[in-house]
Amino acid sequence: MFNLSKHKTSIKTEIMAGIITFLTMAYIIVVNPVILGDAGVPFEQAFTATIIAAVVGTLFMAIFTNLPIAIAPGMGLNAYFSYSVVKAHEGMTFAIAFSAVFVAGMILILLSFTSFRTVLVQK
């Protein structure tokens, strides 16, 4: 499935690489919930969501792109979300901010299916 011999690697090498990659990214599992906690997100929920996002993103890359790339939440975006979006605006809750992020994401996905994206790039 992953064409290990074609890429001149072995299961042992891939397992070791996976362990090393996990260890370099493991801090995100704790730091992300702490930063989001400053915006009011419960630690346990952010902890679980961080793990799920990392697992789903990494599996997506492994299965659909056949590339050894690990995906996890970015520390810059979560800091921006917590400190510049939620905490900087009085009365803003993390639920409202997450809703705005979701709506913006849906709009961008819809726009990507139209020719509007081509118009934006050309201008």
PDB file of N, CA and C in Angstrom:
ATOM      1  N   MET A   1       0.823  -1.199   0.000  1.00  0.00           N
ATOM      2  CA  MET A   1       0.000   0.000   0.000  1.00  0.00           C
ATOM      3  C   MET A   1       0.869   1.266   0.000  1.00  0.00           C
ATOM      4  N   PHE A   2       1.937   1.269   0.788  1.00  0.00           N
ATOM      5  CA  PHE A   2       2.764   2.464   0.892  1.00  0.00           C
ATOM      6  C   PHE A   2       4.037   2.386   0.057  1.00  0.00           C
ATOM      7  N   ASN A   3       4.223   1.297  -0.696  1.00  0.00           N
ATOM      8  CA  ASN A   3       5.374   1.148  -1.598  1.00  0.00           C
ATOM      9  C   ASN A   3       6.707   1.390  -0.882  1.00  0.00           C
ATOM     10  N   LEU A   4       6.905   0.713   0.227  1.00  0.00           N
ATOM     11  CA  LEU A   4       8.120   0.916   1.015  1.00  0.00           C
ATOM     12  C   LEU A   4       9.381   0.576   0.230  1.00  0.00           C
ATOM     13  N   SER A   5       9.360  -0.529  -0.505  1.00  0.00           N
ATOM     14  CA  SER A   5      10.564  -0.911  -1.254  1.00  0.00           C
ATOM     15  C   SER A   5      10.849   0.083  -2.377  1.00  0.00           C
ATOM     16  N   LYS A   6       9.829   0.618  -2.986  1.00  0.00           N
ATOM     17  CA  LYS A   6      10.010   1.612  -4.046  1.00  0.00           C
ATOM     18  C   LYS A   6      10.692   2.869  -3.498  1.00  0.00           C
ATOM     19  N   HIS A   7      10.373   3.213  -2.269  1.00  0.00           N
ATOM     20  CA  HIS A   7      10.953   4.400  -1.633  1.00  0.00           C
ATOM     21  C   HIS A   7      12.233   4.081  -0.862  1.00  0.00           C
ATOM     22  N   LYS A   8      12.709   2.848  -1.026  1.00  0.00           N
ATOM     23  CA  LYS A   8      13.960   2.393  -0.404  1.00  0.00           C
ATOM     24  C   LYS A   8      13.959   2.600   1.112  1.00  0.00           C
ATOM     25  N   THR A   9      12.899   2.114   1.753  1.00  0.00           N
ATOM     26  CA  THR A   9      12.772   2.195   3.202  1.00  0.00           C
ATOM     27  C   THR A   9      12.248   0.870   3.725  1.00  0.00           C
ATOM     28  N   SER A  10      12.170   0.742   5.036  1.00  0.00           N
ATOM     29  CA  SER A  10      11.683  -0.495   5.639  1.00  0.00           C
ATOM     30  C   SER A  10      10.655  -0.167   6.718  1.00  0.00           C
ATOM     31  N   ILE A  11       9.972  -1.193   7.182  1.00  0.00           N
ATOM     32  CA  ILE A  11       8.983  -0.999   8.242  1.00  0.00           C
ATOM     33  C   ILE A  11       9.668  -0.463   9.494  1.00  0.00           C
ATOM     34  N   LYS A  12      10.851  -0.996   9.813  1.00  0.00           N
ATOM     35  CA  LYS A  12      11.591  -0.536  10.994  1.00  0.00           C
ATOM     36  C   LYS A  12      11.923   0.953  10.885  1.00  0.00           C
ATOM     37  N   THR A  13      12.406   1.373   9.726  1.00  0.00           N
ATOM     38  CA  THR A  13      12.744   2.781   9.513  1.00  0.00           C
ATOM     39  C   THR A  13      11.511   3.660   9.638  1.00  0.00           C
ATOM     40  N   GLU A  14      10.409   3.215   9.064  1.00  0.00           N
ATOM     41  CA  GLU A  14       9.176   4.001   9.111  1.00  0.00           C
ATOM     42  C   GLU A  14       8.624   4.104  10.529  1.00  0.00           C
ATOM     43  N   ILE A  15       8.717   3.021  11.291  1.00  0.00           N
ATOM     44  CA  ILE A  15       8.255   3.055  12.686  1.00  0.00           C
ATOM     45  C   ILE A  15       9.130   4.009  13.495  1.00  0.00           C
ATOM     46  N   MET A  16      10.436   3.935  13.311  1.00  0.00           N
ATOM     47  CA  MET A  16      11.340   4.843  14.020  1.00  0.00           C
ATOM     48  C   MET A  16      11.064   6.297  13.620  1.00  0.00           C
ATOM     49  N   ALA A  17      10.858   6.537  12.345  1.00  0.00           N
ATOM     50  CA  ALA A  17      10.548   7.893  11.878  1.00  0.00           C
ATOM     51  C   ALA A  17       9.228   8.380  12.472  1.00  0.00           C
ATOM     52  N   GLY A  18       8.250   7.490  12.562  1.00  0.00           N
ATOM     53  CA  GLY A  18       6.966   7.849  13.159  1.00  0.00           C
ATOM     54  C   GLY A  18       7.095   8.216  14.625  1.00  0.00           C
ATOM     55  N   ILE A  19       7.894   7.457  15.354  1.00  0.00           N
ATOM     56  CA  ILE A  19       8.114   7.740  16.781  1.00  0.00           C
ATOM     57  C   ILE A  19       8.809   9.090  16.950  1.00  0.00           C
ATOM     58  N   ILE A  20       9.818   9.345  16.140  1.00  0.00           N
ATOM     59  CA  ILE A  20      10.547  10.613  16.226  1.00  0.00           C
ATOM     60  C   ILE A  20       9.631  11.780  15.869  1.00  0.00           C
ATOM     61  N   THR A  21       8.835  11.616  14.832  1.00  0.00           N
ATOM     62  CA  THR A  21       7.898  12.671  14.449  1.00  0.00           C
ATOM     63  C   THR A  21       6.893  12.932  15.561  1.00  0.00           C
ATOM     64  N   PHE A  22       6.367  11.861  16.164  1.00  0.00           N
ATOM     65  CA  PHE A  22       5.427  12.027  17.274  1.00  0.00           C
ATOM     66  C   PHE A  22       6.080  12.789  18.424  1.00  0.00           C
ATOM     67  N   LEU A  23       7.308  12.422  18.762  1.00  0.00           N
ATOM     68  CA  LEU A  23       7.985  13.082  19.879  1.00  0.00           C
ATOM     69  C   LEU A  23       8.243  14.564  19.604  1.00  0.00           C
ATOM     70  N   THR A  24       8.503  14.916  18.348  1.00  0.00           N
ATOM     71  CA  THR A  24       8.731  16.330  18.028  1.00  0.00           C
ATOM     72  C   THR A  24       7.442  17.138  18.049  1.00  0.00           C
ATOM     73  N   MET A  25       6.310  16.462  17.889  1.00  0.00           N
ATOM     74  CA  MET A  25       5.020  17.159  17.865  1.00  0.00           C
ATOM     75  C   MET A  25       4.201  16.973  19.140  1.00  0.00           C
ATOM     76  N   ALA A  26       4.664  16.164  20.060  1.00  0.00           N
ATOM     77  CA  ALA A  26       3.865  15.815  21.241  1.00  0.00           C
ATOM     78  C   ALA A  26       3.525  17.023  22.110  1.00  0.00           C
ATOM     79  N   TYR A  27       4.376  18.035  22.112  1.00  0.00           N
ATOM     80  CA  TYR A  27       4.099  19.212  22.938  1.00  0.00           C
ATOM     81  C   TYR A  27       2.777  19.875  22.566  1.00  0.00           C
ATOM     82  N   ILE A  28       2.377  19.749  21.312  1.00  0.00           N
ATOM     83  CA  ILE A  28       1.139  20.370  20.836  1.00  0.00           C
ATOM     84  C   ILE A  28      -0.071  19.827  21.589  1.00  0.00           C
ATOM     85  N   ILE A  29      -0.009  18.556  21.984  1.00  0.00           N
ATOM     86  CA  ILE A  29      -1.130  17.926  22.688  1.00  0.00           C
ATOM     87  C   ILE A  29      -1.433  18.653  23.995  1.00  0.00           C
ATOM     88  N   VAL A  30      -0.421  19.226  24.632  1.00  0.00           N
ATOM     89  CA  VAL A  30      -0.626  19.936  25.901  1.00  0.00           C
ATOM     90  C   VAL A  30      -0.704  21.448  25.700  1.00  0.00           C
ATOM     91  N   VAL A  31       0.150  21.999  24.853  1.00  0.00           N
ATOM     92  CA  VAL A  31       0.212  23.452  24.691  1.00  0.00           C
ATOM     93  C   VAL A  31      -1.053  24.005  24.034  1.00  0.00           C
ATOM     94  N   ASN A  32      -1.575  23.330  23.025  1.00  0.00           N
ATOM     95  CA  ASN A  32      -2.773  23.811  22.345  1.00  0.00           C
ATOM     96  C   ASN A  32      -3.950  23.971  23.311  1.00  0.00           C
ATOM     97  N   PRO A  33      -4.275  22.978  24.141  1.00  0.00           N
ATOM     98  CA  PRO A  33      -5.382  23.163  25.087  1.00  0.00           C
ATOM     99  C   PRO A  33      -5.131  24.275  26.114  1.00  0.00           C
ATOM    100  N   VAL A  34      -3.879  24.489  26.487  1.00  0.00           N
ATOM    101  CA  VAL A  34      -3.571  25.570  27.433  1.00  0.00           C
ATOM    102  C   VAL A  34      -3.870  26.924  26.793  1.00  0.00           C
ATOM    103  N   ILE A  35      -3.426  27.114  25.557  1.00  0.00           N
ATOM    104  CA  ILE A  35      -3.673  28.380  24.858  1.00  0.00           C
ATOM    105  C   ILE A  35      -5.168  28.571  24.626  1.00  0.00           C
ATOM    106  N   LEU A  36      -5.854  27.533  24.150  1.00  0.00           N
ATOM    107  CA  LEU A  36      -7.300  27.645  23.937  1.00  0.00           C
ATOM    108  C   LEU A  36      -8.041  27.820  25.256  1.00  0.00           C
ATOM    109  N   GLY A  37      -7.484  27.287  26.337  1.00  0.00           N
ATOM    110  CA  GLY A  37      -8.081  27.471  27.660  1.00  0.00           C
ATOM    111  C   GLY A  37      -8.115  28.936  28.061  1.00  0.00           C
ATOM    112  N   ASP A  38      -7.139  29.715  27.602  1.00  0.00           N
ATOM    113  CA  ASP A  38      -7.145  31.150  27.879  1.00  0.00           C
ATOM    114  C   ASP A  38      -8.326  31.848  27.217  1.00  0.00           C
ATOM    115  N   ALA A  39      -8.894  31.227  26.193  1.00  0.00           N
ATOM    116  CA  ALA A  39     -10.081  31.770  25.526  1.00  0.00           C
ATOM    117  C   ALA A  39     -11.367  31.218  26.131  1.00  0.00           C
ATOM    118  N   GLY A  40     -11.235  30.313  27.107  1.00  0.00           N
ATOM    119  CA  GLY A  40     -12.414  29.759  27.766  1.00  0.00           C
ATOM    120  C   GLY A  40     -12.776  28.348  27.355  1.00  0.00           C
ATOM    121  N   VAL A  41     -12.021  27.755  26.441  1.00  0.00           N
ATOM    122  CA  VAL A  41     -12.297  26.385  26.008  1.00  0.00           C
ATOM    123  C   VAL A  41     -11.871  25.433  27.128  1.00  0.00           C
ATOM    124  N   PRO A  42     -12.759  24.531  27.560  1.00  0.00           N
ATOM    125  CA  PRO A  42     -12.373  23.569  28.604  1.00  0.00           C
ATOM    126  C   PRO A  42     -11.176  22.721  28.159  1.00  0.00           C
ATOM    127  N   PHE A  43     -10.213  22.534  29.072  1.00  0.00           N
ATOM    128  CA  PHE A  43      -8.972  21.835  28.753  1.00  0.00           C
ATOM    129  C   PHE A  43      -9.232  20.451  28.170  1.00  0.00           C
ATOM    130  N   GLU A  44     -10.119  19.679  28.796  1.00  0.00           N
ATOM    131  CA  GLU A  44     -10.367  18.299  28.354  1.00  0.00           C
ATOM    132  C   GLU A  44     -10.893  18.259  26.920  1.00  0.00           C
ATOM    133  N   GLN A  45     -11.787  19.190  26.592  1.00  0.00           N
ATOM    134  CA  GLN A  45     -12.341  19.220  25.234  1.00  0.00           C
ATOM    135  C   GLN A  45     -11.273  19.609  24.215  1.00  0.00           C
ATOM    136  N   ALA A  46     -10.469  20.605  24.542  1.00  0.00           N
ATOM    137  CA  ALA A  46      -9.408  21.024  23.623  1.00  0.00           C
ATOM    138  C   ALA A  46      -8.347  19.935  23.481  1.00  0.00           C
ATOM    139  N   PHE A  47      -8.044  19.243  24.581  1.00  0.00           N
ATOM    140  CA  PHE A  47      -7.078  18.146  24.568  1.00  0.00           C
ATOM    141  C   PHE A  47      -7.544  17.046  23.619  1.00  0.00           C
ATOM    142  N   THR A  48      -8.800  16.636  23.783  1.00  0.00           N
ATOM    143  CA  THR A  48      -9.363  15.577  22.935  1.00  0.00           C
ATOM    144  C   THR A  48      -9.432  16.020  21.478  1.00  0.00           C
ATOM    145  N   ALA A  49      -9.889  17.245  21.236  1.00  0.00           N
ATOM    146  CA  ALA A  49     -10.000  17.747  19.863  1.00  0.00           C
ATOM    147  C   ALA A  49      -8.632  17.853  19.192  1.00  0.00           C
ATOM    148  N   THR A  50      -7.622  18.231  19.948  1.00  0.00           N
ATOM    149  CA  THR A  50      -6.264  18.328  19.404  1.00  0.00           C
ATOM    150  C   THR A  50      -5.768  16.963  18.945  1.00  0.00           C
ATOM    151  N   ILE A  51      -5.981  15.963  19.774  1.00  0.00           N
ATOM    152  CA  ILE A  51      -5.551  14.605  19.415  1.00  0.00           C
ATOM    153  C   ILE A  51      -6.313  14.102  18.195  1.00  0.00           C
ATOM    154  N   ILE A  52      -7.630  14.292  18.183  1.00  0.00           N
ATOM    155  CA  ILE A  52      -8.444  13.832  17.049  1.00  0.00           C
ATOM    156  C   ILE A  52      -8.011  14.535  15.767  1.00  0.00           C
ATOM    157  N   ALA A  53      -7.797  15.851  15.827  1.00  0.00           N
ATOM    158  CA  ALA A  53      -7.381  16.601  14.638  1.00  0.00           C
ATOM    159  C   ALA A  53      -6.035  16.107  14.114  1.00  0.00           C
ATOM    160  N   ALA A  54      -5.103  15.840  15.013  1.00  0.00           N
ATOM    161  CA  ALA A  54      -3.781  15.358  14.595  1.00  0.00           C
ATOM    162  C   ALA A  54      -3.865  13.966  13.978  1.00  0.00           C
ATOM    163  N   VAL A  55      -4.639  13.089  14.586  1.00  0.00           N
ATOM    164  CA  VAL A  55      -4.777  11.722  14.063  1.00  0.00           C
ATOM    165  C   VAL A  55      -5.464  11.739  12.701  1.00  0.00           C
ATOM    166  N   VAL A  56      -6.581  12.452  12.591  1.00  0.00           N
ATOM    167  CA  VAL A  56      -7.325  12.488  11.324  1.00  0.00           C
ATOM    168  C   VAL A  56      -6.478  13.134  10.222  1.00  0.00           C
ATOM    169  N   GLY A  57      -5.837  14.251  10.522  1.00  0.00           N
ATOM    170  CA  GLY A  57      -5.006  14.923   9.522  1.00  0.00           C
ATOM    171  C   GLY A  57      -3.847  14.070   9.049  1.00  0.00           C
ATOM    172  N   THR A  58      -3.185  13.411   9.984  1.00  0.00           N
ATOM    173  CA  THR A  58      -2.044  12.568   9.635  1.00  0.00           C
ATOM    174  C   THR A  58      -2.482  11.338   8.851  1.00  0.00           C
ATOM    175  N   LEU A  59      -3.580  10.710   9.265  1.00  0.00           N
ATOM    176  CA  LEU A  59      -4.090   9.554   8.516  1.00  0.00           C
ATOM    177  C   LEU A  59      -4.536   9.955   7.114  1.00  0.00           C
ATOM    178  N   PHE A  60      -5.142  11.126   6.994  1.00  0.00           N
ATOM    179  CA  PHE A  60      -5.548  11.625   5.680  1.00  0.00           C
ATOM    180  C   PHE A  60      -4.331  11.754   4.768  1.00  0.00           C
ATOM    181  N   MET A  61      -3.259  12.336   5.286  1.00  0.00           N
ATOM    182  CA  MET A  61      -2.038  12.476   4.490  1.00  0.00           C
ATOM    183  C   MET A  61      -1.459  11.115   4.121  1.00  0.00           C
ATOM    184  N   ALA A  62      -1.462  10.184   5.059  1.00  0.00           N
ATOM    185  CA  ALA A  62      -0.892   8.857   4.802  1.00  0.00           C
ATOM    186  C   ALA A  62      -1.692   8.097   3.758  1.00  0.00           C
ATOM    187  N   ILE A  63      -3.001   8.121   3.889  1.00  0.00           N
ATOM    188  CA  ILE A  63      -3.854   7.300   3.024  1.00  0.00           C
ATOM    189  C   ILE A  63      -4.061   7.927   1.652  1.00  0.00           C
ATOM    190  N   PHE A  64      -4.345   9.226   1.613  1.00  0.00           N
ATOM    191  CA  PHE A  64      -4.725   9.840   0.345  1.00  0.00           C
ATOM    192  C   PHE A  64      -3.560  10.436  -0.443  1.00  0.00           C
ATOM    193  N   THR A  65      -2.462  10.764   0.219  1.00  0.00           N
ATOM    194  CA  THR A  65      -1.330  11.323  -0.517  1.00  0.00           C
ATOM    195  C   THR A  65      -0.130  10.397  -0.531  1.00  0.00           C
ATOM    196  N   ASN A  66      -0.156   9.384   0.346  1.00  0.00           N
ATOM    197  CA  ASN A  66       0.951   8.437   0.458  1.00  0.00           C
ATOM    198  C   ASN A  66       2.273   9.156   0.747  1.00  0.00           C
ATOM    199  N   LEU A  67       2.177  10.204   1.558  1.00  0.00           N
ATOM    200  CA  LEU A  67       3.364  10.962   1.946  1.00  0.00           C
ATOM    201  C   LEU A  67       3.543  10.900   3.459  1.00  0.00           C
ATOM    202  N   PRO A  68       4.778  10.879   3.925  1.00  0.00           N
ATOM    203  CA  PRO A  68       5.033  10.800   5.372  1.00  0.00           C
ATOM    204  C   PRO A  68       4.982  12.179   6.029  1.00  0.00           C
ATOM    205  N   ILE A  69       3.807  12.769   6.034  1.00  0.00           N
ATOM    206  CA  ILE A  69       3.633  14.110   6.592  1.00  0.00           C
ATOM    207  C   ILE A  69       2.640  14.045   7.741  1.00  0.00           C
ATOM    208  N   ALA A  70       3.046  14.576   8.887  1.00  0.00           N
ATOM    209  CA  ALA A  70       2.163  14.628  10.054  1.00  0.00           C
ATOM    210  C   ALA A  70       1.505  16.002  10.111  1.00  0.00           C
ATOM    211  N   ILE A  71       0.231  16.013  10.447  1.00  0.00           N
ATOM    212  CA  ILE A  71      -0.552  17.245  10.509  1.00  0.00           C
ATOM    213  C   ILE A  71      -1.072  17.414  11.932  1.00  0.00           C
ATOM    214  N   ALA A  72      -0.988  18.626  12.465  1.00  0.00           N
ATOM    215  CA  ALA A  72      -1.524  18.919  13.798  1.00  0.00           C
ATOM    216  C   ALA A  72      -1.929  20.394  13.829  1.00  0.00           C
ATOM    217  N   PRO A  73      -2.720  20.788  14.827  1.00  0.00           N
ATOM    218  CA  PRO A  73      -3.097  22.204  14.947  1.00  0.00           C
ATOM    219  C   PRO A  73      -1.864  23.095  15.060  1.00  0.00           C
ATOM    220  N   GLY A  74      -1.939  24.253  14.428  1.00  0.00           N
ATOM    221  CA  GLY A  74      -0.820  25.185  14.456  1.00  0.00           C
ATOM    222  C   GLY A  74      -0.842  26.082  15.684  1.00  0.00           C
ATOM    223  N   MET A  75       0.316  26.297  16.258  1.00  0.00           N
ATOM    224  CA  MET A  75       0.401  27.101  17.476  1.00  0.00           C
ATOM    225  C   MET A  75       0.155  28.582  17.212  1.00  0.00           C
ATOM    226  N   GLY A  76       0.513  29.068  16.049  1.00  0.00           N
ATOM    227  CA  GLY A  76       0.287  30.482  15.737  1.00  0.00           C
ATOM    228  C   GLY A  76      -1.183  30.814  15.586  1.00  0.00           C
ATOM    229  N   LEU A  77      -1.908  29.960  14.884  1.00  0.00           N
ATOM    230  CA  LEU A  77      -3.332  30.221  14.673  1.00  0.00           C
ATOM    231  C   LEU A  77      -4.132  30.122  15.961  1.00  0.00           C
ATOM    232  N   ASN A  78      -3.780  29.181  16.834  1.00  0.00           N
ATOM    233  CA  ASN A  78      -4.544  29.077  18.071  1.00  0.00           C
ATOM    234  C   ASN A  78      -4.251  30.263  18.986  1.00  0.00           C
ATOM    235  N   ALA A  79      -3.027  30.765  18.976  1.00  0.00           N
ATOM    236  CA  ALA A  79      -2.703  31.956  19.764  1.00  0.00           C
ATOM    237  C   ALA A  79      -3.450  33.170  19.215  1.00  0.00           C
ATOM    238  N   TYR A  80      -3.478  33.313  17.899  1.00  0.00           N
ATOM    239  CA  TYR A  80      -4.236  34.406  17.280  1.00  0.00           C
ATOM    240  C   TYR A  80      -5.713  34.305  17.664  1.00  0.00           C
ATOM    241  N   PHE A  81      -6.268  33.101  17.568  1.00  0.00           N
ATOM    242  CA  PHE A  81      -7.675  32.883  17.911  1.00  0.00           C
ATOM    243  C   PHE A  81      -7.944  33.276  19.361  1.00  0.00           C
ATOM    244  N   SER A  82      -7.120  32.800  20.278  1.00  0.00           N
ATOM    245  CA  SER A  82      -7.363  33.034  21.703  1.00  0.00           C
ATOM    246  C   SER A  82      -7.152  34.484  22.114  1.00  0.00           C
ATOM    247  N   TYR A  83      -6.037  35.071  21.693  1.00  0.00           N
ATOM    248  CA  TYR A  83      -5.650  36.378  22.217  1.00  0.00           C
ATOM    249  C   TYR A  83      -6.103  37.554  21.355  1.00  0.00           C
ATOM    250  N   SER A  84      -6.173  37.385  20.040  1.00  0.00           N
ATOM    251  CA  SER A  84      -6.555  38.498  19.169  1.00  0.00           C
ATOM    252  C   SER A  84      -8.026  38.482  18.787  1.00  0.00           C
ATOM    253  N   VAL A  85      -8.638  37.319  18.801  1.00  0.00           N
ATOM    254  CA  VAL A  85     -10.053  37.247  18.431  1.00  0.00           C
ATOM    255  C   VAL A  85     -10.932  37.229  19.676  1.00  0.00           C
ATOM    256  N   VAL A  86     -10.720  36.268  20.559  1.00  0.00           N
ATOM    257  CA  VAL A  86     -11.621  36.100  21.703  1.00  0.00           C
ATOM    258  C   VAL A  86     -11.326  37.105  22.817  1.00  0.00           C
ATOM    259  N   LYS A  87     -10.107  37.120  23.315  1.00  0.00           N
ATOM    260  CA  LYS A  87      -9.797  37.957  24.479  1.00  0.00           C
ATOM    261  C   LYS A  87      -9.748  39.446  24.153  1.00  0.00           C
ATOM    262  N   ALA A  88      -9.480  39.803  22.918  1.00  0.00           N
ATOM    263  CA  ALA A  88      -9.374  41.216  22.552  1.00  0.00           C
ATOM    264  C   ALA A  88     -10.736  41.874  22.365  1.00  0.00           C
ATOM    265  N   HIS A  89     -11.791  41.094  22.274  1.00  0.00           N
ATOM    266  CA  HIS A  89     -13.133  41.635  22.052  1.00  0.00           C
ATOM    267  C   HIS A  89     -14.024  41.288  23.235  1.00  0.00           C
ATOM    268  N   GLU A  90     -14.399  42.304  23.979  1.00  0.00           N
ATOM    269  CA  GLU A  90     -15.235  42.084  25.153  1.00  0.00           C
ATOM    270  C   GLU A  90     -16.585  41.504  24.739  1.00  0.00           C
ATOM    271  N   GLY A  91     -17.011  40.483  25.443  1.00  0.00           N
ATOM    272  CA  GLY A  91     -18.282  39.835  25.138  1.00  0.00           C
ATOM    273  C   GLY A  91     -18.167  38.699  24.134  1.00  0.00           C
ATOM    274  N   MET A  92     -17.006  38.556  23.520  1.00  0.00           N
ATOM    275  CA  MET A  92     -16.792  37.475  22.550  1.00  0.00           C
ATOM    276  C   MET A  92     -16.508  36.184  23.307  1.00  0.00           C
ATOM    277  N   THR A  93     -17.288  35.159  23.010  1.00  0.00           N
ATOM    278  CA  THR A  93     -17.038  33.851  23.615  1.00  0.00           C
ATOM    279  C   THR A  93     -16.341  32.962  22.596  1.00  0.00           C
ATOM    280  N   PHE A  94     -15.717  31.907  23.086  1.00  0.00           N
ATOM    281  CA  PHE A  94     -15.044  30.998  22.154  1.00  0.00           C
ATOM    282  C   PHE A  94     -16.045  30.327  21.230  1.00  0.00           C
ATOM    283  N   ALA A  95     -17.276  30.112  21.700  1.00  0.00           N
ATOM    284  CA  ALA A  95     -18.296  29.476  20.857  1.00  0.00           C
ATOM    285  C   ALA A  95     -18.663  30.371  19.675  1.00  0.00           C
ATOM    286  N   ILE A  96     -18.810  31.657  19.927  1.00  0.00           N
ATOM    287  CA  ILE A  96     -19.110  32.597  18.840  1.00  0.00           C
ATOM    288  C   ILE A  96     -17.941  32.652  17.861  1.00  0.00           C
ATOM    289  N   ALA A  97     -16.725  32.712  18.392  1.00  0.00           N
ATOM    290  CA  ALA A  97     -15.542  32.778  17.529  1.00  0.00           C
ATOM    291  C   ALA A  97     -15.379  31.505  16.702  1.00  0.00           C
ATOM    292  N   PHE A  98     -15.596  30.337  17.323  1.00  0.00           N
ATOM    293  CA  PHE A  98     -15.528  29.082  16.568  1.00  0.00           C
ATOM    294  C   PHE A  98     -16.605  29.039  15.484  1.00  0.00           C
ATOM    295  N   SER A  99     -17.779  29.578  15.790  1.00  0.00           N
ATOM    296  CA  SER A  99     -18.855  29.623  14.793  1.00  0.00           C
ATOM    297  C   SER A  99     -18.450  30.482  13.604  1.00  0.00           C
ATOM    298  N   ALA A 100     -17.827  31.625  13.880  1.00  0.00           N
ATOM    299  CA  ALA A 100     -17.369  32.496  12.796  1.00  0.00           C
ATOM    300  C   ALA A 100     -16.305  31.808  11.946  1.00  0.00           C
ATOM    301  N   VAL A 101     -15.389  31.096  12.588  1.00  0.00           N
ATOM    302  CA  VAL A 101     -14.354  30.353  11.857  1.00  0.00           C
ATOM    303  C   VAL A 101     -14.994  29.276  10.984  1.00  0.00           C
ATOM    304  N   PHE A 102     -15.998  28.583  11.526  1.00  0.00           N
ATOM    305  CA  PHE A 102     -16.685  27.537  10.768  1.00  0.00           C
ATOM    306  C   PHE A 102     -17.392  28.119   9.547  1.00  0.00           C
ATOM    307  N   VAL A 103     -18.127  29.214   9.739  1.00  0.00           N
ATOM    308  CA  VAL A 103     -18.846  29.844   8.625  1.00  0.00           C
ATOM    309  C   VAL A 103     -17.856  30.323   7.562  1.00  0.00           C
ATOM    310  N   ALA A 104     -16.762  30.945   7.983  1.00  0.00           N
ATOM    311  CA  ALA A 104     -15.751  31.399   7.026  1.00  0.00           C
ATOM    312  C   ALA A 104     -15.167  30.225   6.249  1.00  0.00           C
ATOM    313  N   GLY A 105     -14.916  29.126   6.937  1.00  0.00           N
ATOM    314  CA  GLY A 105     -14.404  27.929   6.269  1.00  0.00           C
ATOM    315  C   GLY A 105     -15.375  27.381   5.240  1.00  0.00           C
ATOM    316  N   MET A 106     -16.652  27.353   5.593  1.00  0.00           N
ATOM    317  CA  MET A 106     -17.664  26.857   4.656  1.00  0.00           C
ATOM    318  C   MET A 106     -17.765  27.763   3.429  1.00  0.00           C
ATOM    319  N   ILE A 107     -17.695  29.069   3.646  1.00  0.00           N
ATOM    320  CA  ILE A 107     -17.736  30.006   2.518  1.00  0.00           C
ATOM    321  C   ILE A 107     -16.539  29.774   1.596  1.00  0.00           C
ATOM    322  N   LEU A 108     -15.363  29.602   2.171  1.00  0.00           N
ATOM    323  CA  LEU A 108     -14.169  29.368   1.348  1.00  0.00           C
ATOM    324  C   LEU A 108     -14.241  28.045   0.593  1.00  0.00           C
ATOM    325  N   ILE A 109     -14.789  27.023   1.229  1.00  0.00           N
ATOM    326  CA  ILE A 109     -14.959  25.742   0.533  1.00  0.00           C
ATOM    327  C   ILE A 109     -15.924  25.898  -0.632  1.00  0.00           C
ATOM    328  N   LEU A 110     -17.041  26.571  -0.406  1.00  0.00           N
ATOM    329  CA  LEU A 110     -18.004  26.791  -1.490  1.00  0.00           C
ATOM    330  C   LEU A 110     -17.382  27.602  -2.622  1.00  0.00           C
ATOM    331  N   LEU A 111     -16.626  28.634  -2.282  1.00  0.00           N
ATOM    332  CA  LEU A 111     -15.980  29.440  -3.316  1.00  0.00           C
ATOM    333  C   LEU A 111     -14.955  28.641  -4.109  1.00  0.00           C
ATOM    334  N   SER A 112     -14.338  27.662  -3.479  1.00  0.00           N
ATOM    335  CA  SER A 112     -13.334  26.869  -4.189  1.00  0.00           C
ATOM    336  C   SER A 112     -13.953  25.979  -5.261  1.00  0.00           C
ATOM    337  N   PHE A 113     -15.250  25.726  -5.171  1.00  0.00           N
ATOM    338  CA  PHE A 113     -15.923  24.913  -6.176  1.00  0.00           C
ATOM    339  C   PHE A 113     -16.454  25.747  -7.337  1.00  0.00           C
ATOM    340  N   THR A 114     -16.300  27.056  -7.275  1.00  0.00           N
ATOM    341  CA  THR A 114     -16.785  27.927  -8.340  1.00  0.00           C
ATOM    342  C   THR A 114     -15.600  28.481  -9.126  1.00  0.00           C
ATOM    343  N   SER A 115     -15.900  29.217 -10.171  1.00  0.00           N
ATOM    344  CA  SER A 115     -14.833  29.855 -10.948  1.00  0.00           C
ATOM    345  C   SER A 115     -14.356  31.140 -10.276  1.00  0.00           C
ATOM    346  N   PHE A 116     -15.004  31.526  -9.193  1.00  0.00           N
ATOM    347  CA  PHE A 116     -14.624  32.746  -8.480  1.00  0.00           C
ATOM    348  C   PHE A 116     -13.183  32.691  -7.987  1.00  0.00           C
ATOM    349  N   ARG A 117     -12.720  31.515  -7.607  1.00  0.00           N
ATOM    350  CA  ARG A 117     -11.341  31.380  -7.122  1.00  0.00           C
ATOM    351  C   ARG A 117     -10.346  31.727  -8.223  1.00  0.00           C
ATOM    352  N   THR A 118     -10.663  31.373  -9.457  1.00  0.00           N
ATOM    353  CA  THR A 118      -9.791  31.698 -10.585  1.00  0.00           C
ATOM    354  C   THR A 118      -9.763  33.203 -10.807  1.00  0.00           C
ATOM    355  N   VAL A 119     -10.910  33.834 -10.690  1.00  0.00           N
ATOM    356  CA  VAL A 119     -10.991  35.286 -10.857  1.00  0.00           C
ATOM    357  C   VAL A 119     -10.142  35.984  -9.794  1.00  0.00           C
ATOM    358  N   LEU A 120     -10.192  35.507  -8.563  1.00  0.00           N
ATOM    359  CA  LEU A 120      -9.405  36.108  -7.484  1.00  0.00           C
ATOM    360  C   LEU A 120      -7.908  35.992  -7.747  1.00  0.00           C
ATOM    361  N   VAL A 121      -7.478  34.863  -8.246  1.00  0.00           N
ATOM    362  CA  VAL A 121      -6.058  34.638  -8.490  1.00  0.00           C
ATOM    363  C   VAL A 121      -5.569  35.489  -9.654  1.00  0.00           C
ATOM    364  N   GLN A 122      -6.402  35.684 -10.664  1.00  0.00           N
ATOM    365  CA  GLN A 122      -5.992  36.420 -11.856  1.00  0.00           C
ATOM    366  C   GLN A 122      -5.956  37.925 -11.641  1.00  0.00           C
ATOM    367  N   LYS A 123      -6.653  38.434 -10.660  1.00  0.00           N
ATOM    368  CA  LYS A 123      -6.698  39.896 -10.462  1.00  0.00           C
ATOM    369  C   LYS A 123      -5.699  40.363  -9.491  1.00  0.00           C
TER     370      LYS A 123
END
